[in-house]
Amino acid sequence: MTLIAMLPAFLGNLRGTQLIIVILVVLLLFGGKKIPELMRGLGKGVHAFKQGLADAKEEIE
């Protein structure tokens, strides 16, 4: 499952203006320079999680 497919589950019923407000708040909290670092860390975490699932599945088989 891709991140894009999972976004609706996390964001619920956010639409248009509400989503823009959430993005602006994130920008204000983390700043423009911290967001790439945050996303990089999130990507590494997702990769490690997927690797762990693959290892567990391999171990079960």
PDB file of N, CA and C in Angstrom:
ATOM      1  N   MET A   1       0.848  -1.174   0.000  1.00  0.00           N
ATOM      2  CA  MET A   1       0.000   0.000   0.000  1.00  0.00           C
ATOM      3  C   MET A   1       0.896   1.240   0.000  1.00  0.00           C
ATOM      4  N   THR A   2       0.581   2.168  -0.838  1.00  0.00           N
ATOM      5  CA  THR A   2       1.411   3.356  -0.944  1.00  0.00           C
ATOM      6  C   THR A   2       0.985   4.410   0.060  1.00  0.00           C
ATOM      7  N   LEU A   3       1.865   5.360   0.261  1.00  0.00           N
ATOM      8  CA  LEU A   3       1.578   6.450   1.193  1.00  0.00           C
ATOM      9  C   LEU A   3       0.382   7.259   0.721  1.00  0.00           C
ATOM     10  N   ILE A   4       0.271   7.476  -0.573  1.00  0.00           N
ATOM     11  CA  ILE A   4      -0.842   8.253  -1.122  1.00  0.00           C
ATOM     12  C   ILE A   4      -2.160   7.546  -0.832  1.00  0.00           C
ATOM     13  N   ALA A   5      -2.174   6.232  -0.909  1.00  0.00           N
ATOM     14  CA  ALA A   5      -3.392   5.482  -0.644  1.00  0.00           C
ATOM     15  C   ALA A   5      -3.758   5.527   0.836  1.00  0.00           C
ATOM     16  N   MET A   6      -2.761   5.694   1.713  1.00  0.00           N
ATOM     17  CA  MET A   6      -3.020   5.701   3.151  1.00  0.00           C
ATOM     18  C   MET A   6      -3.402   7.079   3.678  1.00  0.00           C
ATOM     19  N   LEU A   7      -3.127   8.148   2.929  1.00  0.00           N
ATOM     20  CA  LEU A   7      -3.401   9.495   3.407  1.00  0.00           C
ATOM     21  C   LEU A   7      -4.855   9.720   3.807  1.00  0.00           C
ATOM     22  N   PRO A   8      -5.847   9.270   3.024  1.00  0.00           N
ATOM     23  CA  PRO A   8      -7.227   9.508   3.449  1.00  0.00           C
ATOM     24  C   PRO A   8      -7.553   8.913   4.815  1.00  0.00           C
ATOM     25  N   ALA A   9      -6.924   7.804   5.161  1.00  0.00           N
ATOM     26  CA  ALA A   9      -7.175   7.185   6.455  1.00  0.00           C
ATOM     27  C   ALA A   9      -6.675   8.065   7.597  1.00  0.00           C
ATOM     28  N   PHE A  10      -5.563   8.760   7.383  1.00  0.00           N
ATOM     29  CA  PHE A  10      -4.987   9.601   8.420  1.00  0.00           C
ATOM     30  C   PHE A  10      -5.625  10.982   8.473  1.00  0.00           C
ATOM     31  N   LEU A  11      -6.038  11.490   7.337  1.00  0.00           N
ATOM     32  CA  LEU A  11      -6.555  12.850   7.289  1.00  0.00           C
ATOM     33  C   LEU A  11      -8.067  12.923   7.459  1.00  0.00           C
ATOM     34  N   GLY A  12      -8.736  11.796   7.430  1.00  0.00           N
ATOM     35  CA  GLY A  12     -10.174  11.780   7.669  1.00  0.00           C
ATOM     36  C   GLY A  12     -10.949  12.563   6.637  1.00  0.00           C
ATOM     37  N   ASN A  13     -11.788  13.494   7.106  1.00  0.00           N
ATOM     38  CA  ASN A  13     -12.657  14.243   6.213  1.00  0.00           C
ATOM     39  C   ASN A  13     -12.148  15.640   5.912  1.00  0.00           C
ATOM     40  N   LEU A  14     -10.852  15.852   5.950  1.00  0.00           N
ATOM     41  CA  LEU A  14     -10.307  17.172   5.647  1.00  0.00           C
ATOM     42  C   LEU A  14     -10.502  17.481   4.167  1.00  0.00           C
ATOM     43  N   ARG A  15     -10.984  18.668   3.885  1.00  0.00           N
ATOM     44  CA  ARG A  15     -11.206  19.094   2.509  1.00  0.00           C
ATOM     45  C   ARG A  15     -10.578  20.464   2.301  1.00  0.00           C
ATOM     46  N   GLY A  16     -10.294  20.800   1.070  1.00  0.00           N
ATOM     47  CA  GLY A  16      -9.815  22.086   0.607  1.00  0.00           C
ATOM     48  C   GLY A  16      -9.173  23.006   1.612  1.00  0.00           C
ATOM     49  N   THR A  17      -9.963  23.938   2.144  1.00  0.00           N
ATOM     50  CA  THR A  17      -9.453  24.968   3.045  1.00  0.00           C
ATOM     51  C   THR A  17      -8.864  24.364   4.316  1.00  0.00           C
ATOM     52  N   GLN A  18      -9.485  23.353   4.854  1.00  0.00           N
ATOM     53  CA  GLN A  18      -8.992  22.724   6.076  1.00  0.00           C
ATOM     54  C   GLN A  18      -7.622  22.108   5.847  1.00  0.00           C
ATOM     55  N   LEU A  19      -7.429  21.479   4.709  1.00  0.00           N
ATOM     56  CA  LEU A  19      -6.147  20.869   4.384  1.00  0.00           C
ATOM     57  C   LEU A  19      -5.068  21.937   4.234  1.00  0.00           C
ATOM     58  N   ILE A  20      -5.413  23.047   3.611  1.00  0.00           N
ATOM     59  CA  ILE A  20      -4.460  24.151   3.463  1.00  0.00           C
ATOM     60  C   ILE A  20      -4.057  24.691   4.826  1.00  0.00           C
ATOM     61  N   ILE A  21      -5.008  24.820   5.736  1.00  0.00           N
ATOM     62  CA  ILE A  21      -4.710  25.307   7.089  1.00  0.00           C
ATOM     63  C   ILE A  21      -3.774  24.337   7.799  1.00  0.00           C
ATOM     64  N   VAL A  22      -4.004  23.042   7.670  1.00  0.00           N
ATOM     65  CA  VAL A  22      -3.142  22.040   8.298  1.00  0.00           C
ATOM     66  C   VAL A  22      -1.727  22.141   7.735  1.00  0.00           C
ATOM     67  N   ILE A  23      -1.602  22.304   6.430  1.00  0.00           N
ATOM     68  CA  ILE A  23      -0.279  22.426   5.808  1.00  0.00           C
ATOM     69  C   ILE A  23       0.433  23.675   6.302  1.00  0.00           C
ATOM     70  N   LEU A  24      -0.287  24.787   6.415  1.00  0.00           N
ATOM     71  CA  LEU A  24       0.313  26.028   6.914  1.00  0.00           C
ATOM     72  C   LEU A  24       0.777  25.885   8.362  1.00  0.00           C
ATOM     73  N   VAL A  25      -0.008  25.219   9.180  1.00  0.00           N
ATOM     74  CA  VAL A  25       0.372  25.008  10.580  1.00  0.00           C
ATOM     75  C   VAL A  25       1.632  24.153  10.659  1.00  0.00           C
ATOM     76  N   VAL A  26       1.719  23.112   9.825  1.00  0.00           N
ATOM     77  CA  VAL A  26       2.918  22.272   9.805  1.00  0.00           C
ATOM     78  C   VAL A  26       4.132  23.093   9.393  1.00  0.00           C
ATOM     79  N   LEU A  27       3.961  23.934   8.379  1.00  0.00           N
ATOM     80  CA  LEU A  27       5.063  24.800   7.951  1.00  0.00           C
ATOM     81  C   LEU A  27       5.501  25.743   9.069  1.00  0.00           C
ATOM     82  N   LEU A  28       4.539  26.302   9.798  1.00  0.00           N
ATOM     83  CA  LEU A  28       4.876  27.209  10.894  1.00  0.00           C
ATOM     84  C   LEU A  28       5.574  26.479  12.041  1.00  0.00           C
ATOM     85  N   LEU A  29       5.132  25.272  12.336  1.00  0.00           N
ATOM     86  CA  LEU A  29       5.719  24.521  13.444  1.00  0.00           C
ATOM     87  C   LEU A  29       7.128  24.028  13.141  1.00  0.00           C
ATOM     88  N   PHE A  30       7.327  23.501  11.939  1.00  0.00           N
ATOM     89  CA  PHE A  30       8.599  22.865  11.625  1.00  0.00           C
ATOM     90  C   PHE A  30       9.526  23.735  10.793  1.00  0.00           C
ATOM     91  N   GLY A  31       8.990  24.702  10.093  1.00  0.00           N
ATOM     92  CA  GLY A  31       9.823  25.543   9.233  1.00  0.00           C
ATOM     93  C   GLY A  31      10.170  24.838   7.936  1.00  0.00           C
ATOM     94  N   GLY A  32      10.535  25.621   6.950  1.00  0.00           N
ATOM     95  CA  GLY A  32      10.817  25.075   5.628  1.00  0.00           C
ATOM     96  C   GLY A  32      12.028  24.167   5.582  1.00  0.00           C
ATOM     97  N   LYS A  33      13.007  24.404   6.444  1.00  0.00           N
ATOM     98  CA  LYS A  33      14.233  23.603   6.400  1.00  0.00           C
ATOM     99  C   LYS A  33      14.086  22.267   7.125  1.00  0.00           C
ATOM    100  N   LYS A  34      13.210  22.190   8.091  1.00  0.00           N
ATOM    101  CA  LYS A  34      13.057  20.956   8.870  1.00  0.00           C
ATOM    102  C   LYS A  34      12.169  19.927   8.178  1.00  0.00           C
ATOM    103  N   ILE A  35      11.283  20.363   7.299  1.00  0.00           N
ATOM    104  CA  ILE A  35      10.341  19.438   6.679  1.00  0.00           C
ATOM    105  C   ILE A  35      11.046  18.367   5.845  1.00  0.00           C
ATOM    106  N   PRO A  36      12.053  18.710   5.002  1.00  0.00           N
ATOM    107  CA  PRO A  36      12.741  17.628   4.267  1.00  0.00           C
ATOM    108  C   PRO A  36      13.406  16.612   5.203  1.00  0.00           C
ATOM    109  N   GLU A  37      13.972  17.095   6.302  1.00  0.00           N
ATOM    110  CA  GLU A  37      14.580  16.174   7.275  1.00  0.00           C
ATOM    111  C   GLU A  37      13.519  15.278   7.902  1.00  0.00           C
ATOM    112  N   LEU A  38      12.379  15.860   8.212  1.00  0.00           N
ATOM    113  CA  LEU A  38      11.275  15.102   8.800  1.00  0.00           C
ATOM    114  C   LEU A  38      10.786  14.028   7.832  1.00  0.00           C
ATOM    115  N   MET A  39      10.612  14.392   6.567  1.00  0.00           N
ATOM    116  CA  MET A  39      10.157  13.437   5.557  1.00  0.00           C
ATOM    117  C   MET A  39      11.197  12.349   5.305  1.00  0.00           C
ATOM    118  N   ARG A  40      12.463  12.717   5.321  1.00  0.00           N
ATOM    119  CA  ARG A  40      13.541  11.731   5.128  1.00  0.00           C
ATOM    120  C   ARG A  40      13.506  10.708   6.269  1.00  0.00           C
ATOM    121  N   GLY A  41      13.345  11.195   7.495  1.00  0.00           N
ATOM    122  CA  GLY A  41      13.260  10.295   8.646  1.00  0.00           C
ATOM    123  C   GLY A  41      12.038   9.403   8.572  1.00  0.00           C
ATOM    124  N   LEU A  42      10.927   9.973   8.115  1.00  0.00           N
ATOM    125  CA  LEU A  42       9.702   9.189   7.964  1.00  0.00           C
ATOM    126  C   LEU A  42       9.894   8.103   6.904  1.00  0.00           C
ATOM    127  N   GLY A  43      10.549   8.456   5.806  1.00  0.00           N
ATOM    128  CA  GLY A  43      10.818   7.475   4.749  1.00  0.00           C
ATOM    129  C   GLY A  43      11.702   6.345   5.229  1.00  0.00           C
ATOM    130  N   LYS A  44      12.723   6.679   6.008  1.00  0.00           N
ATOM    131  CA  LYS A  44      13.606   5.648   6.559  1.00  0.00           C
ATOM    132  C   LYS A  44      12.841   4.736   7.512  1.00  0.00           C
ATOM    133  N   GLY A  45      11.942   5.319   8.300  1.00  0.00           N
ATOM    134  CA  GLY A  45      11.136   4.528   9.223  1.00  0.00           C
ATOM    135  C   GLY A  45      10.211   3.572   8.494  1.00  0.00           C
ATOM    136  N   VAL A  46       9.576   4.063   7.425  1.00  0.00           N
ATOM    137  CA  VAL A  46       8.684   3.213   6.631  1.00  0.00           C
ATOM    138  C   VAL A  46       9.479   2.096   5.966  1.00  0.00           C
ATOM    139  N   HIS A  47      10.664   2.431   5.461  1.00  0.00           N
ATOM    140  CA  HIS A  47      11.510   1.417   4.823  1.00  0.00           C
ATOM    141  C   HIS A  47      11.915   0.336   5.837  1.00  0.00           C
ATOM    142  N   ALA A  48      12.307   0.759   7.026  1.00  0.00           N
ATOM    143  CA  ALA A  48      12.697  -0.203   8.056  1.00  0.00           C
ATOM    144  C   ALA A  48      11.512  -1.080   8.457  1.00  0.00           C
ATOM    145  N   PHE A  49      10.323  -0.482   8.533  1.00  0.00           N
ATOM    146  CA  PHE A  49       9.121  -1.251   8.884  1.00  0.00           C
ATOM    147  C   PHE A  49       8.828  -2.297   7.817  1.00  0.00           C
ATOM    148  N   LYS A  50       8.895  -1.897   6.540  1.00  0.00           N
ATOM    149  CA  LYS A  50       8.644  -2.840   5.449  1.00  0.00           C
ATOM    150  C   LYS A  50       9.688  -3.949   5.442  1.00  0.00           C
ATOM    151  N   GLN A  51      10.928  -3.599   5.708  1.00  0.00           N
ATOM    152  CA  GLN A  51      11.994  -4.604   5.769  1.00  0.00           C
ATOM    153  C   GLN A  51      11.733  -5.588   6.907  1.00  0.00           C
ATOM    154  N   GLY A  52      11.290  -5.088   8.041  1.00  0.00           N
ATOM    155  CA  GLY A  52      10.953  -5.950   9.171  1.00  0.00           C
ATOM    156  C   GLY A  52       9.805  -6.888   8.842  1.00  0.00           C
ATOM    157  N   LEU A  53       8.799  -6.372   8.141  1.00  0.00           N
ATOM    158  CA  LEU A  53       7.684  -7.240   7.730  1.00  0.00           C
ATOM    159  C   LEU A  53       8.158  -8.327   6.766  1.00  0.00           C
ATOM    160  N   ALA A  54       9.016  -7.953   5.827  1.00  0.00           N
ATOM    161  CA  ALA A  54       9.530  -8.934   4.871  1.00  0.00           C
ATOM    162  C   ALA A  54      10.356  -9.998   5.588  1.00  0.00           C
ATOM    163  N   ASP A  55      11.179  -9.565   6.549  1.00  0.00           N
ATOM    164  CA  ASP A  55      11.993 -10.532   7.315  1.00  0.00           C
ATOM    165  C   ASP A  55      11.106 -11.463   8.126  1.00  0.00           C
ATOM    166  N   ALA A  56      10.067 -10.922   8.741  1.00  0.00           N
ATOM    167  CA  ALA A  56       9.151 -11.759   9.530  1.00  0.00           C
ATOM    168  C   ALA A  56       8.416 -12.753   8.630  1.00  0.00           C
ATOM    169  N   LYS A  57       7.990 -12.282   7.465  1.00  0.00           N
ATOM    170  CA  LYS A  57       7.292 -13.167   6.537  1.00  0.00           C
ATOM    171  C   LYS A  57       8.218 -14.279   6.052  1.00  0.00           C
ATOM    172  N   GLU A  58       9.458 -13.925   5.777  1.00  0.00           N
ATOM    173  CA  GLU A  58      10.448 -14.912   5.336  1.00  0.00           C
ATOM    174  C   GLU A  58      10.722 -15.932   6.431  1.00  0.00           C
ATOM    175  N   GLU A  59      10.785 -15.457   7.667  1.00  0.00           N
ATOM    176  CA  GLU A  59      11.044 -16.348   8.795  1.00  0.00           C
ATOM    177  C   GLU A  59       9.886 -17.315   9.009  1.00  0.00           C
ATOM    178  N   ILE A  60       8.661 -16.842   8.802  1.00  0.00           N
ATOM    179  CA  ILE A  60       7.491 -17.699   8.974  1.00  0.00           C
ATOM    180  C   ILE A  60       7.465 -18.785   7.926  1.00  0.00           C
ATOM    181  N   GLU A  61       7.825 -18.417   6.690  1.00  0.00           N
ATOM    182  CA  GLU A  61       7.815 -19.412   5.588  1.00  0.00           C
ATOM    183  C   GLU A  61       8.954 -20.362   5.770  1.00  0.00           C
TER     184      GLU A  61
END
